[in-house]
Amino acid sequence: MVILLKKILGVVGSYRKQGNTELFVKLAMMEAEKHDLKVEMIRLTDFNFKPCRGCMACVFKAAKCRINDDFYEFLNHIEHADGVLFGSPTYILGPQAQFKQILDRFLLIPQHIDNLQHKPACTVTVSGLKGWHPLSPVLNLVVLSLGMNLLDSIHIYGPGPGQALLNEESYQKAIDVGKNLALAIKGEDYDSFEIKKAPNSCPVCDGELFTPIRRDKLQCALCHTRASIVESNNQQLGFTLKFEAESLKHHRWTEEAMVHHIEEWVKATEHMYLGKLEEINKLKAQLKSFDRWIPRSTRKKSFS
């Protein structure tokens, strides 16, 4: 009798082989493999992703994306995994650009949501210096936009390739991520796992960027969870954020919210646009003759 093992997929989003991102994804994968899972890894940099063209055919016509690239191949890997670990270096404040290109194809996801939804996923991001990763939770938005459950998100530091391995705390974090993700894939109740979050980070996306909506209330800039500011005994922070239970159930990335956004807003823009098309075309005509483009051949020579 053939026993089919559940599969965990590691996605390495770094061009540097044997760099900190790859090494920490491998650490977690090695730990997960101890729990009788099939482990596979892919390099995101082996895939060719092209920018979204904004043609809206995937929404208005429910059509397959017209862009000829590797997006569907990548999506197929995610669909056939039971859980995923995404890893990315943090260059200038946020994750590697290919993850943003995946996020930009978000409108395609509803066609595949049944094969993605509720799968557990974790993320690991790496930066060389503290304070240079405030947008690293954008990687978590890739997980949330795919309809997956963000189990854990860790950030580690290491300026040189492999240097992060010297940090015992970071090393252990990777082991814990691999273990918890493996247990979640095998059907354990991962809501009961004790996962240490940064003080005052968003419980949904682990972000630390908030916008004020009232004097004593903030809203997560990435997923719209709301929190009240309350006094704290923590001398370093001076305050604590208390997140509203209802907003945690109805944040931007819930299935209900995503369906509403596409059905009630995005699809509605087609009729809104067509109703104003004559007026829009008149305004566009006034700008059509404004031609100050640099010819491509000239542009090439100037950088030779």
C-alpha atoms as a PDB file:
ATOM      1  CA  MET A   1       0.000   0.000   0.000  1.00  0.00           C
ATOM      2  CA  VAL A   2       1.329   3.440  -0.988  1.00  0.00           C
ATOM      3  CA  ILE A   3       1.103   6.056   1.756  1.00  0.00           C
ATOM      4  CA  LEU A   4       0.749   9.567   0.387  1.00  0.00           C
ATOM      5  CA  LEU A   5       2.490  12.032   2.641  1.00  0.00           C
ATOM      6  CA  LYS A   6       1.201  15.549   3.039  1.00  0.00           C
ATOM      7  CA  LYS A   7       3.472  18.109   1.426  1.00  0.00           C
ATOM      8  CA  ILE A   8       5.107  21.282   2.639  1.00  0.00           C
ATOM      9  CA  LEU A   9       6.556  23.721   0.119  1.00  0.00           C
ATOM     10  CA  GLY A  10       9.404  26.128   0.795  1.00  0.00           C
ATOM     11  CA  VAL A  11       9.523  29.222  -1.448  1.00  0.00           C
ATOM     12  CA  VAL A  12      12.929  30.912  -1.477  1.00  0.00           C
ATOM     13  CA  GLY A  13      12.682  34.446  -2.827  1.00  0.00           C
ATOM     14  CA  SER A  14      16.375  35.305  -2.997  1.00  0.00           C
ATOM     15  CA  TYR A  15      18.872  35.419  -5.844  1.00  0.00           C
ATOM     16  CA  ARG A  16      21.717  34.638  -3.439  1.00  0.00           C
ATOM     17  CA  LYS A  17      22.262  30.896  -3.124  1.00  0.00           C
ATOM     18  CA  GLN A  18      23.169  29.802   0.387  1.00  0.00           C
ATOM     19  CA  GLY A  19      22.236  33.258   1.633  1.00  0.00           C
ATOM     20  CA  ASN A  20      20.393  33.878   4.893  1.00  0.00           C
ATOM     21  CA  THR A  21      16.929  33.540   3.333  1.00  0.00           C
ATOM     22  CA  GLU A  22      17.652  30.177   1.739  1.00  0.00           C
ATOM     23  CA  LEU A  23      19.435  28.860   4.833  1.00  0.00           C
ATOM     24  CA  PHE A  24      16.587  29.733   7.187  1.00  0.00           C
ATOM     25  CA  VAL A  25      13.956  28.265   4.874  1.00  0.00           C
ATOM     26  CA  LYS A  26      16.068  25.098   4.808  1.00  0.00           C
ATOM     27  CA  LEU A  27      16.303  25.057   8.611  1.00  0.00           C
ATOM     28  CA  ALA A  28      12.534  25.148   8.900  1.00  0.00           C
ATOM     29  CA  MET A  29      12.094  22.570   6.139  1.00  0.00           C
ATOM     30  CA  MET A  30      14.539  20.170   7.785  1.00  0.00           C
ATOM     31  CA  GLU A  31      12.540  20.395  11.007  1.00  0.00           C
ATOM     32  CA  ALA A  32       9.242  19.885   9.180  1.00  0.00           C
ATOM     33  CA  GLU A  33      10.602  16.792   7.468  1.00  0.00           C
ATOM     34  CA  LYS A  34      11.075  15.162  10.879  1.00  0.00           C
ATOM     35  CA  HIS A  35       7.270  15.129  11.184  1.00  0.00           C
ATOM     36  CA  ASP A  36       6.708  12.761   8.258  1.00  0.00           C
ATOM     37  CA  LEU A  37       5.989  15.339   5.607  1.00  0.00           C
ATOM     38  CA  LYS A  38       7.097  15.441   2.009  1.00  0.00           C
ATOM     39  CA  VAL A  39       9.319  18.499   1.682  1.00  0.00           C
ATOM     40  CA  GLU A  40       9.895  20.388  -1.568  1.00  0.00           C
ATOM     41  CA  MET A  41      11.432  23.775  -2.319  1.00  0.00           C
ATOM     42  CA  ILE A  42      11.369  26.190  -5.232  1.00  0.00           C
ATOM     43  CA  ARG A  43      13.410  29.273  -6.017  1.00  0.00           C
ATOM     44  CA  LEU A  44      11.142  32.169  -6.857  1.00  0.00           C
ATOM     45  CA  THR A  45      13.976  33.604  -8.935  1.00  0.00           C
ATOM     46  CA  ASP A  46      13.640  30.676 -11.372  1.00  0.00           C
ATOM     47  CA  PHE A  47      10.221  32.038 -12.359  1.00  0.00           C
ATOM     48  CA  ASN A  48       9.543  34.779 -14.863  1.00  0.00           C
ATOM     49  CA  PHE A  49       6.818  37.106 -13.622  1.00  0.00           C
ATOM     50  CA  LYS A  50       5.664  40.031 -15.713  1.00  0.00           C
ATOM     51  CA  PRO A  51       3.791  43.075 -14.403  1.00  0.00           C
ATOM     52  CA  CYS A  52       0.006  43.121 -14.378  1.00  0.00           C
ATOM     53  CA  ARG A  53      -1.302  45.107 -17.366  1.00  0.00           C
ATOM     54  CA  GLY A  54      -4.562  46.111 -15.735  1.00  0.00           C
ATOM     55  CA  CYS A  55      -6.653  44.793 -18.650  1.00  0.00           C
ATOM     56  CA  MET A  56      -9.269  43.488 -16.167  1.00  0.00           C
ATOM     57  CA  ALA A  57     -10.185  40.494 -18.366  1.00  0.00           C
ATOM     58  CA  CYS A  58      -9.732  38.152 -15.402  1.00  0.00           C
ATOM     59  CA  VAL A  59     -12.479  40.038 -13.539  1.00  0.00           C
ATOM     60  CA  PHE A  60     -14.887  41.287 -16.180  1.00  0.00           C
ATOM     61  CA  LYS A  61     -14.705  38.160 -18.396  1.00  0.00           C
ATOM     62  CA  ALA A  62     -13.502  35.545 -15.869  1.00  0.00           C
ATOM     63  CA  ALA A  63     -10.754  34.872 -18.407  1.00  0.00           C
ATOM     64  CA  LYS A  64      -7.361  33.320 -17.935  1.00  0.00           C
ATOM     65  CA  CYS A  65      -4.632  35.922 -17.641  1.00  0.00           C
ATOM     66  CA  ARG A  66      -3.364  36.961 -21.060  1.00  0.00           C
ATOM     67  CA  ILE A  67       0.182  37.485 -19.838  1.00  0.00           C
ATOM     68  CA  ASN A  68       2.506  34.731 -21.002  1.00  0.00           C
ATOM     69  CA  ASP A  69       4.728  34.116 -18.001  1.00  0.00           C
ATOM     70  CA  ASP A  70       5.227  31.642 -15.138  1.00  0.00           C
ATOM     71  CA  PHE A  71       2.490  32.858 -12.806  1.00  0.00           C
ATOM     72  CA  TYR A  72       0.227  29.844 -13.314  1.00  0.00           C
ATOM     73  CA  GLU A  73       3.144  27.455 -12.884  1.00  0.00           C
ATOM     74  CA  PHE A  74       3.939  29.101  -9.557  1.00  0.00           C
ATOM     75  CA  LEU A  75       0.288  28.996  -8.524  1.00  0.00           C
ATOM     76  CA  ASN A  76       0.159  25.293  -9.378  1.00  0.00           C
ATOM     77  CA  HIS A  77       2.966  24.595  -6.893  1.00  0.00           C
ATOM     78  CA  ILE A  78       1.035  26.414  -4.161  1.00  0.00           C
ATOM     79  CA  GLU A  79      -2.208  24.622  -4.995  1.00  0.00           C
ATOM     80  CA  HIS A  80      -0.558  21.194  -4.706  1.00  0.00           C
ATOM     81  CA  ALA A  81       1.060  21.886  -1.332  1.00  0.00           C
ATOM     82  CA  ASP A  82      -0.665  21.363   2.000  1.00  0.00           C
ATOM     83  CA  GLY A  83       1.256  24.235   3.589  1.00  0.00           C
ATOM     84  CA  VAL A  84       3.833  26.784   2.482  1.00  0.00           C
ATOM     85  CA  LEU A  85       6.789  28.655   3.946  1.00  0.00           C
ATOM     86  CA  PHE A  86       7.649  31.858   2.091  1.00  0.00           C
ATOM     87  CA  GLY A  87      11.087  33.390   2.583  1.00  0.00           C
ATOM     88  CA  SER A  88      12.393  36.717   1.325  1.00  0.00           C
ATOM     89  CA  PRO A  89      15.289  39.080   1.865  1.00  0.00           C
ATOM     90  CA  THR A  90      14.390  42.646   2.785  1.00  0.00           C
ATOM     91  CA  TYR A  91      16.239  45.062   0.550  1.00  0.00           C
ATOM     92  CA  ILE A  92      14.877  48.588   0.896  1.00  0.00           C
ATOM     93  CA  LEU A  93      12.316  48.284   3.700  1.00  0.00           C
ATOM     94  CA  GLY A  94      10.265  45.530   2.045  1.00  0.00           C
ATOM     95  CA  PRO A  95      10.437  42.061   0.470  1.00  0.00           C
ATOM     96  CA  GLN A  96      11.968  41.107  -2.860  1.00  0.00           C
ATOM     97  CA  ALA A  97      10.145  42.578  -5.883  1.00  0.00           C
ATOM     98  CA  GLN A  98       8.815  39.299  -7.310  1.00  0.00           C
ATOM     99  CA  PHE A  99       6.548  38.894  -4.294  1.00  0.00           C
ATOM    100  CA  LYS A 100       5.022  42.272  -5.076  1.00  0.00           C
ATOM    101  CA  GLN A 101       4.437  41.107  -8.661  1.00  0.00           C
ATOM    102  CA  ILE A 102       2.537  38.108  -7.281  1.00  0.00           C
ATOM    103  CA  LEU A 103       0.464  40.424  -5.107  1.00  0.00           C
ATOM    104  CA  ASP A 104      -0.288  42.624  -8.122  1.00  0.00           C
ATOM    105  CA  ARG A 105      -2.013  39.632  -9.782  1.00  0.00           C
ATOM    106  CA  PHE A 106      -4.433  39.433  -6.858  1.00  0.00           C
ATOM    107  CA  LEU A 107      -7.546  39.768  -9.047  1.00  0.00           C
ATOM    108  CA  LEU A 108      -6.817  36.328 -10.546  1.00  0.00           C
ATOM    109  CA  ILE A 109      -6.976  34.572  -7.194  1.00  0.00           C
ATOM    110  CA  PRO A 110     -10.783  34.179  -6.842  1.00  0.00           C
ATOM    111  CA  GLN A 111     -10.650  31.730  -9.777  1.00  0.00           C
ATOM    112  CA  HIS A 112      -8.363  29.498  -7.679  1.00  0.00           C
ATOM    113  CA  ILE A 113      -9.459  30.271  -4.136  1.00  0.00           C
ATOM    114  CA  ASP A 114     -11.039  26.851  -3.550  1.00  0.00           C
ATOM    115  CA  ASN A 115      -7.632  25.190  -3.978  1.00  0.00           C
ATOM    116  CA  LEU A 116      -5.831  27.667  -1.723  1.00  0.00           C
ATOM    117  CA  GLN A 117      -8.132  28.647   1.056  1.00  0.00           C
ATOM    118  CA  HIS A 118      -7.302  27.956   4.703  1.00  0.00           C
ATOM    119  CA  LYS A 119      -3.974  26.268   4.003  1.00  0.00           C
ATOM    120  CA  PRO A 120      -1.468  27.151   6.749  1.00  0.00           C
ATOM    121  CA  ALA A 121       1.510  29.281   5.768  1.00  0.00           C
ATOM    122  CA  CYS A 122       4.425  31.012   7.460  1.00  0.00           C
ATOM    123  CA  THR A 123       6.884  33.673   6.357  1.00  0.00           C
ATOM    124  CA  VAL A 124      10.490  34.511   7.136  1.00  0.00           C
ATOM    125  CA  THR A 125      12.102  37.793   6.129  1.00  0.00           C
ATOM    126  CA  VAL A 126      15.727  38.828   6.494  1.00  0.00           C
ATOM    127  CA  SER A 127      17.371  42.224   6.789  1.00  0.00           C
ATOM    128  CA  GLY A 128      20.878  43.280   7.665  1.00  0.00           C
ATOM    129  CA  LEU A 129      19.956  45.993  10.136  1.00  0.00           C
ATOM    130  CA  LYS A 130      17.106  46.600  12.553  1.00  0.00           C
ATOM    131  CA  GLY A 131      14.745  49.334  11.478  1.00  0.00           C
ATOM    132  CA  TRP A 132      15.115  48.498   7.770  1.00  0.00           C
ATOM    133  CA  HIS A 133      12.135  46.158   7.455  1.00  0.00           C
ATOM    134  CA  PRO A 134       8.931  48.100   8.243  1.00  0.00           C
ATOM    135  CA  LEU A 135       7.326  46.886   4.993  1.00  0.00           C
ATOM    136  CA  SER A 136       8.383  43.250   5.369  1.00  0.00           C
ATOM    137  CA  PRO A 137       4.745  42.310   6.282  1.00  0.00           C
ATOM    138  CA  VAL A 138       3.948  42.923   2.601  1.00  0.00           C
ATOM    139  CA  LEU A 139       5.155  39.324   2.244  1.00  0.00           C
ATOM    140  CA  ASN A 140       2.365  38.344   4.636  1.00  0.00           C
ATOM    141  CA  LEU A 141      -0.129  40.023   2.320  1.00  0.00           C
ATOM    142  CA  VAL A 142       0.873  37.510  -0.361  1.00  0.00           C
ATOM    143  CA  VAL A 143      -0.232  34.767   2.032  1.00  0.00           C
ATOM    144  CA  LEU A 144      -3.466  36.547   2.978  1.00  0.00           C
ATOM    145  CA  SER A 145      -4.339  37.477  -0.611  1.00  0.00           C
ATOM    146  CA  LEU A 146      -4.038  33.806  -1.583  1.00  0.00           C
ATOM    147  CA  GLY A 147      -6.675  33.019   1.042  1.00  0.00           C
ATOM    148  CA  MET A 148      -4.219  31.088   3.201  1.00  0.00           C
ATOM    149  CA  ASN A 149      -3.983  31.200   7.002  1.00  0.00           C
ATOM    150  CA  LEU A 150      -0.934  33.099   8.228  1.00  0.00           C
ATOM    151  CA  LEU A 151       0.291  30.908  11.060  1.00  0.00           C
ATOM    152  CA  ASP A 152       3.501  32.728  11.913  1.00  0.00           C
ATOM    153  CA  SER A 153       5.830  35.439  10.640  1.00  0.00           C
ATOM    154  CA  ILE A 154       9.416  35.878  11.759  1.00  0.00           C
ATOM    155  CA  HIS A 155      12.112  38.386  10.945  1.00  0.00           C
ATOM    156  CA  ILE A 156      15.814  37.775  11.352  1.00  0.00           C
ATOM    157  CA  TYR A 157      18.949  39.867  10.947  1.00  0.00           C
ATOM    158  CA  GLY A 158      22.207  39.072   9.204  1.00  0.00           C
ATOM    159  CA  PRO A 159      24.148  41.390   6.885  1.00  0.00           C
ATOM    160  CA  GLY A 160      26.433  38.714   5.432  1.00  0.00           C
ATOM    161  CA  PRO A 161      25.487  35.400   3.737  1.00  0.00           C
ATOM    162  CA  GLY A 162      24.945  32.861   6.513  1.00  0.00           C
ATOM    163  CA  GLN A 163      25.726  35.356   9.277  1.00  0.00           C
ATOM    164  CA  ALA A 164      22.208  35.065  10.718  1.00  0.00           C
ATOM    165  CA  LEU A 165      23.004  31.437  11.651  1.00  0.00           C
ATOM    166  CA  LEU A 166      25.189  32.782  14.465  1.00  0.00           C
ATOM    167  CA  ASN A 167      22.144  34.170  16.252  1.00  0.00           C
ATOM    168  CA  GLU A 168      20.800  31.405  18.502  1.00  0.00           C
ATOM    169  CA  GLU A 169      17.413  33.063  18.962  1.00  0.00           C
ATOM    170  CA  SER A 170      16.868  33.393  15.199  1.00  0.00           C
ATOM    171  CA  TYR A 171      18.060  29.813  14.688  1.00  0.00           C
ATOM    172  CA  GLN A 172      15.476  28.566  17.171  1.00  0.00           C
ATOM    173  CA  LYS A 173      12.736  30.673  15.587  1.00  0.00           C
ATOM    174  CA  ALA A 174      13.286  28.845  12.291  1.00  0.00           C
ATOM    175  CA  ILE A 175      13.091  25.476  14.027  1.00  0.00           C
ATOM    176  CA  ASP A 176       9.848  26.490  15.763  1.00  0.00           C
ATOM    177  CA  VAL A 177       8.332  27.737  12.501  1.00  0.00           C
ATOM    178  CA  GLY A 178       9.104  24.457  10.773  1.00  0.00           C
ATOM    179  CA  LYS A 179       7.646  22.448  13.646  1.00  0.00           C
ATOM    180  CA  ASN A 180       4.470  24.514  14.017  1.00  0.00           C
ATOM    181  CA  LEU A 181       3.824  24.560  10.281  1.00  0.00           C
ATOM    182  CA  ALA A 182       4.298  20.783  10.116  1.00  0.00           C
ATOM    183  CA  LEU A 183       1.854  20.229  12.966  1.00  0.00           C
ATOM    184  CA  ALA A 184      -0.669  22.550  11.361  1.00  0.00           C
ATOM    185  CA  ILE A 185      -0.434  20.667   8.069  1.00  0.00           C
ATOM    186  CA  LYS A 186      -0.986  17.383   9.897  1.00  0.00           C
ATOM    187  CA  GLY A 187      -4.202  18.729  11.368  1.00  0.00           C
ATOM    188  CA  GLU A 188      -3.159  19.981  14.775  1.00  0.00           C
ATOM    189  CA  ASP A 189      -5.055  22.900  16.284  1.00  0.00           C
ATOM    190  CA  TYR A 190      -2.559  25.633  15.527  1.00  0.00           C
ATOM    191  CA  ASP A 191      -4.683  28.285  17.238  1.00  0.00           C
ATOM    192  CA  SER A 192      -3.338  26.840  20.471  1.00  0.00           C
ATOM    193  CA  PHE A 193       0.322  27.278  19.505  1.00  0.00           C
ATOM    194  CA  GLU A 194       2.146  29.851  21.608  1.00  0.00           C
ATOM    195  CA  ILE A 195       3.558  32.163  18.963  1.00  0.00           C
ATOM    196  CA  LYS A 196       5.414  35.217  20.180  1.00  0.00           C
ATOM    197  CA  LYS A 197       4.362  38.354  18.346  1.00  0.00           C
ATOM    198  CA  ALA A 198       6.107  41.689  18.477  1.00  0.00           C
ATOM    199  CA  PRO A 199       4.493  44.099  20.976  1.00  0.00           C
ATOM    200  CA  ASN A 200       1.620  46.022  19.394  1.00  0.00           C
ATOM    201  CA  SER A 201       1.853  44.260  16.035  1.00  0.00           C
ATOM    202  CA  CYS A 202      -1.316  43.488  14.076  1.00  0.00           C
ATOM    203  CA  PRO A 203      -2.647  39.999  14.924  1.00  0.00           C
ATOM    204  CA  VAL A 204      -3.673  39.452  11.299  1.00  0.00           C
ATOM    205  CA  CYS A 205      -0.688  40.556   9.204  1.00  0.00           C
ATOM    206  CA  ASP A 206       1.949  41.129  11.905  1.00  0.00           C
ATOM    207  CA  GLY A 207       2.386  44.676  10.614  1.00  0.00           C
ATOM    208  CA  GLU A 208       3.409  47.620  12.747  1.00  0.00           C
ATOM    209  CA  LEU A 209       2.141  50.434  10.518  1.00  0.00           C
ATOM    210  CA  PHE A 210      -1.038  52.109  11.757  1.00  0.00           C
ATOM    211  CA  THR A 211      -3.066  55.143  10.750  1.00  0.00           C
ATOM    212  CA  PRO A 212      -5.057  57.207  13.277  1.00  0.00           C
ATOM    213  CA  ILE A 213      -8.820  57.202  12.822  1.00  0.00           C
ATOM    214  CA  ARG A 214      -9.643  58.853  16.143  1.00  0.00           C
ATOM    215  CA  ARG A 215      -7.637  60.299  18.997  1.00  0.00           C
ATOM    216  CA  ASP A 216      -7.492  56.979  20.847  1.00  0.00           C
ATOM    217  CA  LYS A 217      -7.988  54.567  17.959  1.00  0.00           C
ATOM    218  CA  LEU A 218      -5.712  53.255  15.197  1.00  0.00           C
ATOM    219  CA  GLN A 219      -6.209  51.146  12.095  1.00  0.00           C
ATOM    220  CA  CYS A 220      -3.711  48.726  10.552  1.00  0.00           C
ATOM    221  CA  ALA A 221      -2.606  50.235   7.256  1.00  0.00           C
ATOM    222  CA  LEU A 222      -2.338  46.811   5.604  1.00  0.00           C
ATOM    223  CA  CYS A 223      -5.429  44.892   6.700  1.00  0.00           C
ATOM    224  CA  HIS A 224      -7.729  47.463   8.409  1.00  0.00           C
ATOM    225  CA  THR A 225      -7.926  45.816  11.817  1.00  0.00           C
ATOM    226  CA  ARG A 226      -8.738  48.413  14.472  1.00  0.00           C
ATOM    227  CA  ALA A 227      -7.229  48.899  17.893  1.00  0.00           C
ATOM    228  CA  SER A 228      -7.716  51.175  20.880  1.00  0.00           C
ATOM    229  CA  ILE A 229      -4.770  52.752  22.665  1.00  0.00           C
ATOM    230  CA  VAL A 230      -4.697  51.832  26.331  1.00  0.00           C
ATOM    231  CA  GLU A 231      -2.171  52.588  29.055  1.00  0.00           C
ATOM    232  CA  SER A 232       0.461  49.995  29.738  1.00  0.00           C
ATOM    233  CA  ASN A 233       2.872  49.077  32.497  1.00  0.00           C
ATOM    234  CA  ASN A 234       5.490  48.429  29.844  1.00  0.00           C
ATOM    235  CA  GLN A 235       8.038  51.195  30.484  1.00  0.00           C
ATOM    236  CA  GLN A 236       9.554  50.908  27.012  1.00  0.00           C
ATOM    237  CA  LEU A 237       6.319  51.267  25.049  1.00  0.00           C
ATOM    238  CA  GLY A 238       4.178  53.294  27.390  1.00  0.00           C
ATOM    239  CA  PHE A 239       0.984  52.043  25.741  1.00  0.00           C
ATOM    240  CA  THR A 240      -0.690  48.886  24.472  1.00  0.00           C
ATOM    241  CA  LEU A 241      -2.969  48.335  21.507  1.00  0.00           C
ATOM    242  CA  LYS A 242      -6.173  46.441  22.231  1.00  0.00           C
ATOM    243  CA  PHE A 243      -7.526  45.030  18.975  1.00  0.00           C
ATOM    244  CA  GLU A 244     -11.271  44.919  18.371  1.00  0.00           C
ATOM    245  CA  ALA A 245     -12.646  41.386  18.145  1.00  0.00           C
ATOM    246  CA  GLU A 246     -15.067  42.301  15.339  1.00  0.00           C
ATOM    247  CA  SER A 247     -12.395  43.896  13.163  1.00  0.00           C
ATOM    248  CA  LEU A 248     -10.266  40.762  13.514  1.00  0.00           C
ATOM    249  CA  LYS A 249     -13.170  38.807  12.032  1.00  0.00           C
ATOM    250  CA  HIS A 250     -13.880  41.275   9.231  1.00  0.00           C
ATOM    251  CA  HIS A 251     -10.474  42.552   8.114  1.00  0.00           C
ATOM    252  CA  ARG A 252      -9.579  43.374   4.513  1.00  0.00           C
ATOM    253  CA  TRP A 253      -8.312  39.865   3.654  1.00  0.00           C
ATOM    254  CA  THR A 254     -11.212  37.691   4.788  1.00  0.00           C
ATOM    255  CA  GLU A 255     -12.934  35.695   2.053  1.00  0.00           C
ATOM    256  CA  GLU A 256     -16.097  37.730   2.575  1.00  0.00           C
ATOM    257  CA  ALA A 257     -14.255  41.053   2.280  1.00  0.00           C
ATOM    258  CA  MET A 258     -12.305  40.008  -0.809  1.00  0.00           C
ATOM    259  CA  VAL A 259     -15.426  38.743  -2.586  1.00  0.00           C
ATOM    260  CA  HIS A 260     -17.265  41.948  -1.678  1.00  0.00           C
ATOM    261  CA  HIS A 261     -14.383  44.078  -2.967  1.00  0.00           C
ATOM    262  CA  ILE A 262     -14.348  42.322  -6.325  1.00  0.00           C
ATOM    263  CA  GLU A 263     -18.101  41.819  -6.797  1.00  0.00           C
ATOM    264  CA  GLU A 264     -19.383  45.111  -5.393  1.00  0.00           C
ATOM    265  CA  TRP A 265     -16.565  47.467  -6.335  1.00  0.00           C
ATOM    266  CA  VAL A 266     -14.169  46.182  -8.998  1.00  0.00           C
ATOM    267  CA  LYS A 267     -16.844  44.691 -11.258  1.00  0.00           C
ATOM    268  CA  ALA A 268     -19.048  47.744 -10.767  1.00  0.00           C
ATOM    269  CA  THR A 269     -16.321  49.988 -12.174  1.00  0.00           C
ATOM    270  CA  GLU A 270     -16.922  48.556 -15.672  1.00  0.00           C
ATOM    271  CA  HIS A 271     -20.419  50.049 -15.896  1.00  0.00           C
ATOM    272  CA  MET A 272     -19.300  53.231 -14.162  1.00  0.00           C
ATOM    273  CA  TYR A 273     -16.556  53.625 -16.774  1.00  0.00           C
ATOM    274  CA  LEU A 274     -18.753  52.856 -19.780  1.00  0.00           C
ATOM    275  CA  GLY A 275     -21.348  55.356 -18.562  1.00  0.00           C
ATOM    276  CA  LYS A 276     -18.715  58.104 -18.583  1.00  0.00           C
ATOM    277  CA  LEU A 277     -16.840  56.927 -21.681  1.00  0.00           C
ATOM    278  CA  GLU A 278     -17.875  59.763 -23.999  1.00  0.00           C
ATOM    279  CA  GLU A 279     -16.797  62.384 -21.480  1.00  0.00           C
ATOM    280  CA  ILE A 280     -13.550  60.513 -20.759  1.00  0.00           C
ATOM    281  CA  ASN A 281     -12.673  60.233 -24.468  1.00  0.00           C
ATOM    282  CA  LYS A 282     -13.085  63.972 -24.943  1.00  0.00           C
ATOM    283  CA  LEU A 283     -10.662  64.652 -22.120  1.00  0.00           C
ATOM    284  CA  LYS A 284      -8.227  62.026 -23.397  1.00  0.00           C
ATOM    285  CA  ALA A 285      -8.265  63.609 -26.869  1.00  0.00           C
ATOM    286  CA  GLN A 286      -6.934  66.865 -25.412  1.00  0.00           C
ATOM    287  CA  LEU A 287      -3.804  65.022 -24.221  1.00  0.00           C
ATOM    288  CA  LYS A 288      -3.263  62.692 -27.167  1.00  0.00           C
ATOM    289  CA  SER A 289      -1.162  65.129 -29.166  1.00  0.00           C
ATOM    290  CA  PHE A 290       1.156  65.897 -26.233  1.00  0.00           C
ATOM    291  CA  ASP A 291       4.153  63.898 -27.423  1.00  0.00           C
ATOM    292  CA  ARG A 292       7.473  64.313 -25.630  1.00  0.00           C
ATOM    293  CA  TRP A 293       8.629  60.687 -25.675  1.00  0.00           C
ATOM    294  CA  ILE A 294      12.325  59.903 -25.961  1.00  0.00           C
ATOM    295  CA  PRO A 295      12.799  57.487 -28.892  1.00  0.00           C
ATOM    296  CA  ARG A 296      13.896  54.075 -27.676  1.00  0.00           C
ATOM    297  CA  SER A 297      17.017  53.981 -29.890  1.00  0.00           C
ATOM    298  CA  THR A 298      18.171  57.315 -28.397  1.00  0.00           C
ATOM    299  CA  ARG A 299      17.497  56.058 -24.910  1.00  0.00           C
ATOM    300  CA  LYS A 300      19.690  53.004 -25.489  1.00  0.00           C
ATOM    301  CA  LYS A 301      22.626  55.064 -26.761  1.00  0.00           C
ATOM    302  CA  SER A 302      22.532  57.435 -23.834  1.00  0.00           C
ATOM    303  CA  PHE A 303      23.234  54.565 -21.438  1.00  0.00           C
ATOM    304  CA  SER A 304      25.847  52.762 -23.533  1.00  0.00           C
END
